[in-house]
Amino acid sequence: MISVRLSDRQVAALDSVVKDGRYATRTEAVRRLLDEFTKQVEQAVLAREFRAAYATAPTEDEQAMHEFMDAAAEALLAGDGGRIARES
C-alpha cells in the first residue's frame, strides 16, 4: 500500500472519470490507469530492445556482402590472383 498526494487538478480529473462511469471508484481508476501506464512502459522497453537488436543484426544483403568480401580477402591472401568463386 502507498499513499500519494495529488493536486486538486488530478483529483478533479479522477472524479470526472468516475462521474462519467468509466471507473467505479477513484481507487479503481488509479489502479487501472497505473496498469495501462506500466504496460506502455514495458512495451516501450521491448520496442527499444528490438530496435537495438535489429540495428546490430545484418540484413541478408549485408550478410551476403560480408561473405563475398571475406571470400575475396581469402582469395587474395591465398595467391589465387584475385579470382573469387561466386555462388549464384
N, C-alpha and C. Protein backbone atom coordinates (compact mmCIF):
# COMPACT_ATOMS: atom_id res chain seq x y z
N MET A 1 0.85 -1.18 0.00
CA MET A 1 0.00 0.00 0.00
C MET A 1 0.89 1.23 0.00
N ILE A 2 0.47 2.24 -0.76
CA ILE A 2 1.20 3.50 -0.79
C ILE A 2 0.20 4.65 -0.64
N SER A 3 0.73 5.74 -0.16
CA SER A 3 -0.06 6.97 -0.10
C SER A 3 0.54 7.95 -1.08
N VAL A 4 -0.33 8.63 -1.80
CA VAL A 4 0.12 9.58 -2.81
C VAL A 4 -0.66 10.88 -2.64
N ARG A 5 0.05 11.96 -2.64
CA ARG A 5 -0.61 13.26 -2.58
C ARG A 5 -0.85 13.74 -4.01
N LEU A 6 -2.09 14.05 -4.32
CA LEU A 6 -2.46 14.51 -5.65
C LEU A 6 -2.84 15.98 -5.61
N SER A 7 -2.63 16.63 -6.73
CA SER A 7 -3.04 18.03 -6.84
C SER A 7 -4.56 18.10 -6.98
N ASP A 8 -5.10 19.28 -6.77
CA ASP A 8 -6.55 19.47 -6.95
C ASP A 8 -6.97 19.13 -8.37
N ARG A 9 -6.14 19.48 -9.33
CA ARG A 9 -6.43 19.18 -10.73
C ARG A 9 -6.48 17.68 -10.96
N GLN A 10 -5.56 16.93 -10.38
CA GLN A 10 -5.54 15.48 -10.54
C GLN A 10 -6.76 14.82 -9.89
N VAL A 11 -7.14 15.31 -8.71
CA VAL A 11 -8.32 14.78 -8.03
C VAL A 11 -9.57 15.08 -8.86
N ALA A 12 -9.64 16.27 -9.41
CA ALA A 12 -10.79 16.63 -10.25
C ALA A 12 -10.86 15.72 -11.48
N ALA A 13 -9.72 15.40 -12.07
CA ALA A 13 -9.69 14.52 -13.23
C ALA A 13 -10.16 13.11 -12.84
N LEU A 14 -9.72 12.63 -11.70
CA LEU A 14 -10.20 11.32 -11.22
C LEU A 14 -11.70 11.34 -10.99
N ASP A 15 -12.16 12.37 -10.30
CA ASP A 15 -13.59 12.49 -10.04
C ASP A 15 -14.39 12.53 -11.34
N SER A 16 -13.84 13.17 -12.35
CA SER A 16 -14.52 13.29 -13.64
C SER A 16 -14.69 11.93 -14.31
N VAL A 17 -13.63 11.10 -14.31
CA VAL A 17 -13.74 9.79 -14.96
C VAL A 17 -14.63 8.84 -14.17
N VAL A 18 -14.69 9.03 -12.85
CA VAL A 18 -15.60 8.22 -12.03
C VAL A 18 -17.04 8.67 -12.29
N LYS A 19 -17.26 9.97 -12.33
CA LYS A 19 -18.60 10.50 -12.56
C LYS A 19 -19.13 10.08 -13.94
N ASP A 20 -18.23 10.06 -14.95
CA ASP A 20 -18.61 9.65 -16.30
C ASP A 20 -18.90 8.15 -16.39
N GLY A 21 -18.57 7.41 -15.35
CA GLY A 21 -18.83 5.98 -15.33
C GLY A 21 -17.73 5.12 -15.92
N ARG A 22 -16.62 5.73 -16.27
CA ARG A 22 -15.51 4.94 -16.82
C ARG A 22 -14.90 4.02 -15.78
N TYR A 23 -14.93 4.45 -14.53
CA TYR A 23 -14.43 3.66 -13.41
C TYR A 23 -15.42 3.79 -12.27
N ALA A 24 -15.50 2.75 -11.44
CA ALA A 24 -16.47 2.76 -10.34
C ALA A 24 -16.02 3.65 -9.18
N THR A 25 -14.72 3.69 -8.95
CA THR A 25 -14.17 4.47 -7.83
C THR A 25 -12.86 5.13 -8.22
N ARG A 26 -12.42 6.05 -7.41
CA ARG A 26 -11.10 6.66 -7.63
C ARG A 26 -10.01 5.60 -7.58
N THR A 27 -10.13 4.70 -6.61
CA THR A 27 -9.13 3.66 -6.44
C THR A 27 -9.03 2.79 -7.70
N GLU A 28 -10.17 2.38 -8.23
CA GLU A 28 -10.16 1.58 -9.45
C GLU A 28 -9.52 2.36 -10.60
N ALA A 29 -9.85 3.63 -10.70
CA ALA A 29 -9.28 4.46 -11.76
C ALA A 29 -7.76 4.52 -11.63
N VAL A 30 -7.27 4.77 -10.44
CA VAL A 30 -5.83 4.87 -10.24
C VAL A 30 -5.16 3.54 -10.57
N ARG A 31 -5.72 2.44 -10.09
CA ARG A 31 -5.12 1.13 -10.36
C ARG A 31 -5.09 0.81 -11.85
N ARG A 32 -6.20 1.01 -12.52
CA ARG A 32 -6.26 0.67 -13.95
C ARG A 32 -5.38 1.59 -14.79
N LEU A 33 -5.38 2.87 -14.45
CA LEU A 33 -4.52 3.80 -15.19
C LEU A 33 -3.05 3.48 -14.96
N LEU A 34 -2.71 3.09 -13.75
CA LEU A 34 -1.32 2.69 -13.46
C LEU A 34 -0.97 1.41 -14.22
N ASP A 35 -1.92 0.47 -14.31
CA ASP A 35 -1.69 -0.74 -15.10
C ASP A 35 -1.43 -0.39 -16.56
N GLU A 36 -2.22 0.52 -17.12
CA GLU A 36 -2.03 0.94 -18.51
C GLU A 36 -0.67 1.62 -18.70
N PHE A 37 -0.31 2.48 -17.75
CA PHE A 37 0.99 3.16 -17.82
C PHE A 37 2.12 2.14 -17.78
N THR A 38 2.03 1.17 -16.87
CA THR A 38 3.05 0.14 -16.74
C THR A 38 3.17 -0.66 -18.03
N LYS A 39 2.04 -1.00 -18.62
CA LYS A 39 2.03 -1.75 -19.89
C LYS A 39 2.71 -0.95 -20.99
N GLN A 40 2.43 0.35 -21.06
CA GLN A 40 3.05 1.20 -22.08
C GLN A 40 4.55 1.29 -21.88
N VAL A 41 5.00 1.38 -20.63
CA VAL A 41 6.43 1.44 -20.35
C VAL A 41 7.10 0.13 -20.77
N GLU A 42 6.48 -1.00 -20.43
CA GLU A 42 7.03 -2.30 -20.82
C GLU A 42 7.11 -2.44 -22.33
N GLN A 43 6.08 -1.98 -23.04
CA GLN A 43 6.08 -2.05 -24.50
C GLN A 43 7.17 -1.15 -25.08
N ALA A 44 7.37 0.00 -24.48
CA ALA A 44 8.42 0.92 -24.95
C ALA A 44 9.80 0.30 -24.76
N VAL A 45 10.00 -0.37 -23.63
CA VAL A 45 11.28 -1.03 -23.36
C VAL A 45 11.51 -2.14 -24.39
N LEU A 46 10.50 -2.96 -24.64
CA LEU A 46 10.63 -4.03 -25.63
C LEU A 46 10.91 -3.47 -27.02
N ALA A 47 10.22 -2.40 -27.38
CA ALA A 47 10.44 -1.78 -28.69
C ALA A 47 11.87 -1.26 -28.81
N ARG A 48 12.36 -0.62 -27.75
CA ARG A 48 13.74 -0.10 -27.75
C ARG A 48 14.74 -1.25 -27.87
N GLU A 49 14.51 -2.36 -27.13
CA GLU A 49 15.40 -3.51 -27.21
C GLU A 49 15.35 -4.14 -28.60
N PHE A 50 14.16 -4.21 -29.19
CA PHE A 50 14.03 -4.77 -30.54
C PHE A 50 14.80 -3.92 -31.55
N ARG A 51 14.61 -2.59 -31.46
CA ARG A 51 15.32 -1.70 -32.39
C ARG A 51 16.82 -1.84 -32.23
N ALA A 52 17.30 -1.94 -31.00
CA ALA A 52 18.74 -2.06 -30.76
C ALA A 52 19.26 -3.38 -31.33
N ALA A 53 18.52 -4.46 -31.13
CA ALA A 53 18.94 -5.75 -31.66
C ALA A 53 18.91 -5.76 -33.18
N TYR A 54 17.87 -5.19 -33.76
CA TYR A 54 17.74 -5.16 -35.22
C TYR A 54 18.84 -4.31 -35.85
N ALA A 55 19.21 -3.23 -35.16
CA ALA A 55 20.23 -2.33 -35.70
C ALA A 55 21.59 -3.01 -35.77
N THR A 56 21.83 -3.99 -34.91
CA THR A 56 23.13 -4.65 -34.91
C THR A 56 23.14 -5.92 -35.76
N ALA A 57 21.97 -6.41 -36.16
CA ALA A 57 21.90 -7.62 -36.99
C ALA A 57 21.97 -7.24 -38.46
N PRO A 58 22.87 -7.88 -39.20
CA PRO A 58 22.97 -7.53 -40.63
C PRO A 58 21.77 -8.06 -41.42
N THR A 59 21.40 -7.33 -42.45
CA THR A 59 20.36 -7.81 -43.36
C THR A 59 20.94 -8.92 -44.22
N GLU A 60 20.10 -9.59 -44.99
CA GLU A 60 20.58 -10.66 -45.87
C GLU A 60 21.58 -10.11 -46.89
N ASP A 61 21.30 -8.93 -47.45
CA ASP A 61 22.21 -8.32 -48.42
C ASP A 61 23.55 -7.99 -47.78
N GLU A 62 23.50 -7.43 -46.57
CA GLU A 62 24.74 -7.11 -45.87
C GLU A 62 25.52 -8.38 -45.55
N GLN A 63 24.81 -9.42 -45.13
CA GLN A 63 25.47 -10.69 -44.83
C GLN A 63 26.14 -11.26 -46.08
N ALA A 64 25.44 -11.21 -47.21
CA ALA A 64 26.00 -11.71 -48.47
C ALA A 64 27.24 -10.90 -48.86
N MET A 65 27.19 -9.58 -48.66
CA MET A 65 28.34 -8.74 -48.97
C MET A 65 29.52 -9.09 -48.08
N HIS A 66 29.26 -9.31 -46.79
CA HIS A 66 30.35 -9.69 -45.87
C HIS A 66 30.98 -11.01 -46.30
N GLU A 67 30.14 -11.98 -46.69
CA GLU A 67 30.66 -13.28 -47.13
C GLU A 67 31.48 -13.13 -48.41
N PHE A 68 31.03 -12.29 -49.34
CA PHE A 68 31.76 -12.05 -50.58
C PHE A 68 33.11 -11.40 -50.28
N MET A 69 33.10 -10.40 -49.39
CA MET A 69 34.35 -9.71 -49.05
C MET A 69 35.31 -10.65 -48.33
N ASP A 70 34.79 -11.52 -47.47
CA ASP A 70 35.64 -12.50 -46.80
C ASP A 70 36.28 -13.43 -47.83
N ALA A 71 35.47 -13.90 -48.80
CA ALA A 71 35.99 -14.79 -49.84
C ALA A 71 37.04 -14.07 -50.69
N ALA A 72 36.80 -12.80 -51.00
CA ALA A 72 37.77 -12.03 -51.79
C ALA A 72 39.08 -11.88 -51.03
N ALA A 73 39.00 -11.59 -49.76
CA ALA A 73 40.22 -11.44 -48.95
C ALA A 73 40.97 -12.76 -48.89
N GLU A 74 40.25 -13.87 -48.70
CA GLU A 74 40.90 -15.19 -48.66
C GLU A 74 41.57 -15.51 -49.99
N ALA A 75 40.89 -15.19 -51.11
CA ALA A 75 41.45 -15.47 -52.44
C ALA A 75 42.73 -14.67 -52.66
N LEU A 76 42.72 -13.41 -52.25
CA LEU A 76 43.91 -12.58 -52.42
C LEU A 76 45.05 -13.08 -51.55
N LEU A 77 44.74 -13.46 -50.33
CA LEU A 77 45.77 -13.94 -49.43
C LEU A 77 46.30 -15.32 -49.85
N ALA A 78 45.46 -16.11 -50.52
CA ALA A 78 45.87 -17.44 -50.97
C ALA A 78 46.66 -17.39 -52.27
N GLY A 79 46.76 -16.22 -52.87
CA GLY A 79 47.53 -16.08 -54.11
C GLY A 79 46.79 -16.58 -55.34
N ASP A 80 45.47 -16.54 -55.33
CA ASP A 80 44.68 -17.01 -56.47
C ASP A 80 44.52 -15.92 -57.53
N GLY A 81 45.31 -14.91 -57.44
CA GLY A 81 45.24 -13.85 -58.44
C GLY A 81 43.97 -13.03 -58.36
N GLY A 82 43.32 -13.07 -57.23
CA GLY A 82 42.13 -12.29 -57.04
C GLY A 82 40.88 -12.93 -57.58
N ARG A 83 40.99 -14.20 -58.06
CA ARG A 83 39.80 -14.88 -58.56
C ARG A 83 38.95 -15.32 -57.38
N ILE A 84 37.67 -14.99 -57.46
CA ILE A 84 36.76 -15.29 -56.37
C ILE A 84 35.64 -16.16 -56.90
N ALA A 85 35.41 -17.26 -56.24
CA ALA A 85 34.28 -18.13 -56.62
C ALA A 85 33.02 -17.51 -56.07
N ARG A 86 32.07 -17.24 -56.98
CA ARG A 86 30.79 -16.66 -56.57
C ARG A 86 29.72 -17.70 -56.73
N GLU A 87 28.83 -17.73 -55.73
CA GLU A 87 27.67 -18.60 -55.83
C GLU A 87 26.56 -17.84 -56.50
N SER A 88 25.76 -18.53 -57.31
CA SER A 88 24.63 -17.88 -57.97
C SER A 88 23.36 -18.21 -57.28
